[in-house]
Amino acid sequence: MATNITPSRLAALVKTRCQIFQTAYNPTSARTGAKYLRARLRGPSMVKYYPPVANIAELARTYKNAGVVDFSEAQRLKDVEDKKRRGKGAPPKARDKGQSRRTARRR
């Protein structure tokens, strides 16, 4: 003995079921991304997979008396000093608002 269930009655049943089981009521089947929001995060396991990278600059800062030298940083500092000597370095920073180039241009 099959009885016909009206669509409105079926929709009410689905809505009530969603309230009871605390699931999202989505009668139009719109894409919500709930599948990805429920999934376990991948970041922590990826971080555990790769070993930590040794950073020479950080080691040099931590152990200053050990004589650890970051050659690329030393070369960079030497290049900056050479540029300053030739007049090609960065301009000096303004100490207050009156010394900045922007306020000098506005006058």
C-alpha atoms as a PDB file:
ATOM      1  CA  MET A   1       0.000   0.000   0.000  1.00  0.00           C
ATOM      2  CA  ALA A   2       1.974   2.985  -1.283  1.00  0.00           C
ATOM      3  CA  THR A   3       0.927   6.458  -0.265  1.00  0.00           C
ATOM      4  CA  ASN A   4       1.915   9.547  -2.171  1.00  0.00           C
ATOM      5  CA  ILE A   5       3.953  12.001  -0.118  1.00  0.00           C
ATOM      6  CA  THR A   6       3.611  15.589  -1.240  1.00  0.00           C
ATOM      7  CA  PRO A   7       6.817  17.522  -2.052  1.00  0.00           C
ATOM      8  CA  SER A   8       6.079  20.134   0.616  1.00  0.00           C
ATOM      9  CA  ARG A   9       5.702  17.400   3.235  1.00  0.00           C
ATOM     10  CA  LEU A  10       8.962  15.816   2.093  1.00  0.00           C
ATOM     11  CA  ALA A  11      10.734  19.193   2.272  1.00  0.00           C
ATOM     12  CA  ALA A  12       9.435  19.708   5.814  1.00  0.00           C
ATOM     13  CA  LEU A  13      10.712  16.262   6.749  1.00  0.00           C
ATOM     14  CA  VAL A  14      14.186  17.044   5.356  1.00  0.00           C
ATOM     15  CA  LYS A  15      14.242  20.399   7.164  1.00  0.00           C
ATOM     16  CA  THR A  16      13.302  18.758  10.464  1.00  0.00           C
ATOM     17  CA  ARG A  17      15.914  16.049   9.917  1.00  0.00           C
ATOM     18  CA  CYS A  18      18.572  18.725   9.379  1.00  0.00           C
ATOM     19  CA  GLN A  19      17.561  20.482  12.606  1.00  0.00           C
ATOM     20  CA  ILE A  20      17.687  17.242  14.608  1.00  0.00           C
ATOM     21  CA  PHE A  21      21.030  16.004  13.267  1.00  0.00           C
ATOM     22  CA  GLN A  22      22.538  19.514  13.007  1.00  0.00           C
ATOM     23  CA  THR A  23      23.347  19.328   9.305  1.00  0.00           C
ATOM     24  CA  ALA A  24      23.068  22.097   6.728  1.00  0.00           C
ATOM     25  CA  TYR A  25      19.658  22.494   5.111  1.00  0.00           C
ATOM     26  CA  ASN A  26      20.334  23.032   1.423  1.00  0.00           C
ATOM     27  CA  PRO A  27      17.114  22.536  -0.590  1.00  0.00           C
ATOM     28  CA  THR A  28      18.529  24.093  -3.793  1.00  0.00           C
ATOM     29  CA  SER A  29      21.702  21.942  -3.735  1.00  0.00           C
ATOM     30  CA  ALA A  30      23.888  25.052  -3.916  1.00  0.00           C
ATOM     31  CA  ARG A  31      27.630  24.456  -3.620  1.00  0.00           C
ATOM     32  CA  THR A  32      28.717  25.313  -0.088  1.00  0.00           C
ATOM     33  CA  GLY A  33      32.202  23.834   0.235  1.00  0.00           C
ATOM     34  CA  ALA A  34      31.123  21.901   3.332  1.00  0.00           C
ATOM     35  CA  LYS A  35      33.062  18.835   2.185  1.00  0.00           C
ATOM     36  CA  TYR A  36      36.340  20.763   2.315  1.00  0.00           C
ATOM     37  CA  LEU A  37      35.500  22.563   5.543  1.00  0.00           C
ATOM     38  CA  ARG A  38      34.801  19.231   7.271  1.00  0.00           C
ATOM     39  CA  ALA A  39      38.010  17.641   5.978  1.00  0.00           C
ATOM     40  CA  ARG A  40      41.070  17.308   8.188  1.00  0.00           C
ATOM     41  CA  LEU A  41      43.631  20.101   7.775  1.00  0.00           C
ATOM     42  CA  ARG A  42      46.669  19.134   5.711  1.00  0.00           C
ATOM     43  CA  GLY A  43      49.108  21.755   6.964  1.00  0.00           C
ATOM     44  CA  PRO A  44      50.274  20.160  10.241  1.00  0.00           C
ATOM     45  CA  SER A  45      51.082  16.812   8.637  1.00  0.00           C
ATOM     46  CA  MET A  46      52.946  18.531   5.785  1.00  0.00           C
ATOM     47  CA  VAL A  47      55.003  20.533   8.277  1.00  0.00           C
ATOM     48  CA  LYS A  48      55.919  17.326  10.124  1.00  0.00           C
ATOM     49  CA  TYR A  49      56.906  15.611   6.860  1.00  0.00           C
ATOM     50  CA  TYR A  50      59.622  18.068   5.831  1.00  0.00           C
ATOM     51  CA  PRO A  51      62.666  18.432   8.116  1.00  0.00           C
ATOM     52  CA  PRO A  52      63.489  21.892   9.482  1.00  0.00           C
ATOM     53  CA  VAL A  53      65.787  23.930   7.246  1.00  0.00           C
ATOM     54  CA  ALA A  54      69.057  25.175   8.736  1.00  0.00           C
ATOM     55  CA  ASN A  55      69.210  28.944   8.327  1.00  0.00           C
ATOM     56  CA  ILE A  56      72.819  30.180   8.382  1.00  0.00           C
ATOM     57  CA  ALA A  57      71.831  33.768   9.172  1.00  0.00           C
ATOM     58  CA  GLU A  58      69.785  32.639  12.174  1.00  0.00           C
ATOM     59  CA  LEU A  59      72.649  30.418  13.406  1.00  0.00           C
ATOM     60  CA  ALA A  60      75.088  33.319  13.061  1.00  0.00           C
ATOM     61  CA  ARG A  61      72.809  35.580  15.116  1.00  0.00           C
ATOM     62  CA  THR A  62      72.279  32.930  17.780  1.00  0.00           C
ATOM     63  CA  TYR A  63      75.924  31.924  18.139  1.00  0.00           C
ATOM     64  CA  LYS A  64      77.847  35.159  17.594  1.00  0.00           C
ATOM     65  CA  ASN A  65      80.986  33.975  19.404  1.00  0.00           C
ATOM     66  CA  ALA A  66      81.186  30.695  17.436  1.00  0.00           C
ATOM     67  CA  GLY A  67      82.603  32.429  14.365  1.00  0.00           C
ATOM     68  CA  VAL A  68      79.775  31.391  12.031  1.00  0.00           C
ATOM     69  CA  VAL A  69      79.930  33.621   8.940  1.00  0.00           C
ATOM     70  CA  ASP A  70      77.146  34.031   6.398  1.00  0.00           C
ATOM     71  CA  PHE A  71      79.181  34.712   3.277  1.00  0.00           C
ATOM     72  CA  SER A  72      76.257  35.998   1.230  1.00  0.00           C
ATOM     73  CA  GLU A  73      75.368  38.523   3.957  1.00  0.00           C
ATOM     74  CA  ALA A  74      78.999  39.610   4.269  1.00  0.00           C
ATOM     75  CA  GLN A  75      79.181  40.107   0.488  1.00  0.00           C
ATOM     76  CA  ARG A  76      75.919  42.097   0.544  1.00  0.00           C
ATOM     77  CA  LEU A  77      77.223  44.398   3.296  1.00  0.00           C
ATOM     78  CA  LYS A  78      80.465  44.902   1.377  1.00  0.00           C
ATOM     79  CA  ASP A  79      78.515  45.792  -1.785  1.00  0.00           C
ATOM     80  CA  VAL A  80      76.333  48.258   0.122  1.00  0.00           C
ATOM     81  CA  GLU A  81      79.443  49.919   1.572  1.00  0.00           C
ATOM     82  CA  ASP A  82      81.013  50.174  -1.904  1.00  0.00           C
ATOM     83  CA  LYS A  83      77.847  51.756  -3.317  1.00  0.00           C
ATOM     84  CA  LYS A  84      77.735  54.277  -0.476  1.00  0.00           C
ATOM     85  CA  ARG A  85      81.349  55.202  -1.140  1.00  0.00           C
ATOM     86  CA  ARG A  86      80.511  55.878  -4.810  1.00  0.00           C
ATOM     87  CA  GLY A  87      77.380  57.851  -3.890  1.00  0.00           C
ATOM     88  CA  LYS A  88      74.971  55.201  -5.201  1.00  0.00           C
ATOM     89  CA  GLY A  89      73.573  54.091  -1.827  1.00  0.00           C
ATOM     90  CA  ALA A  90      70.151  54.605  -0.340  1.00  0.00           C
ATOM     91  CA  PRO A  91      69.318  58.188   0.646  1.00  0.00           C
ATOM     92  CA  PRO A  92      69.390  59.010   4.349  1.00  0.00           C
ATOM     93  CA  LYS A  93      66.109  58.597   6.196  1.00  0.00           C
ATOM     94  CA  ALA A  94      64.330  61.696   7.478  1.00  0.00           C
ATOM     95  CA  ARG A  95      64.533  62.059  11.245  1.00  0.00           C
ATOM     96  CA  ASP A  96      61.394  64.177  11.514  1.00  0.00           C
ATOM     97  CA  LYS A  97      58.566  65.385   9.323  1.00  0.00           C
ATOM     98  CA  GLY A  98      60.357  68.572   8.318  1.00  0.00           C
ATOM     99  CA  GLN A  99      63.245  66.715   6.709  1.00  0.00           C
ATOM    100  CA  SER A 100      61.174  64.416   4.494  1.00  0.00           C
ATOM    101  CA  ARG A 101      61.147  64.925   0.724  1.00  0.00           C
ATOM    102  CA  ARG A 102      57.378  64.734   0.556  1.00  0.00           C
ATOM    103  CA  THR A 103      56.860  67.782   2.764  1.00  0.00           C
ATOM    104  CA  ALA A 104      59.616  69.645   0.878  1.00  0.00           C
ATOM    105  CA  ARG A 105      57.797  69.047  -2.421  1.00  0.00           C
ATOM    106  CA  ARG A 106      54.483  70.312  -1.066  1.00  0.00           C
ATOM    107  CA  ARG A 107      55.916  73.733  -0.142  1.00  0.00           C
END
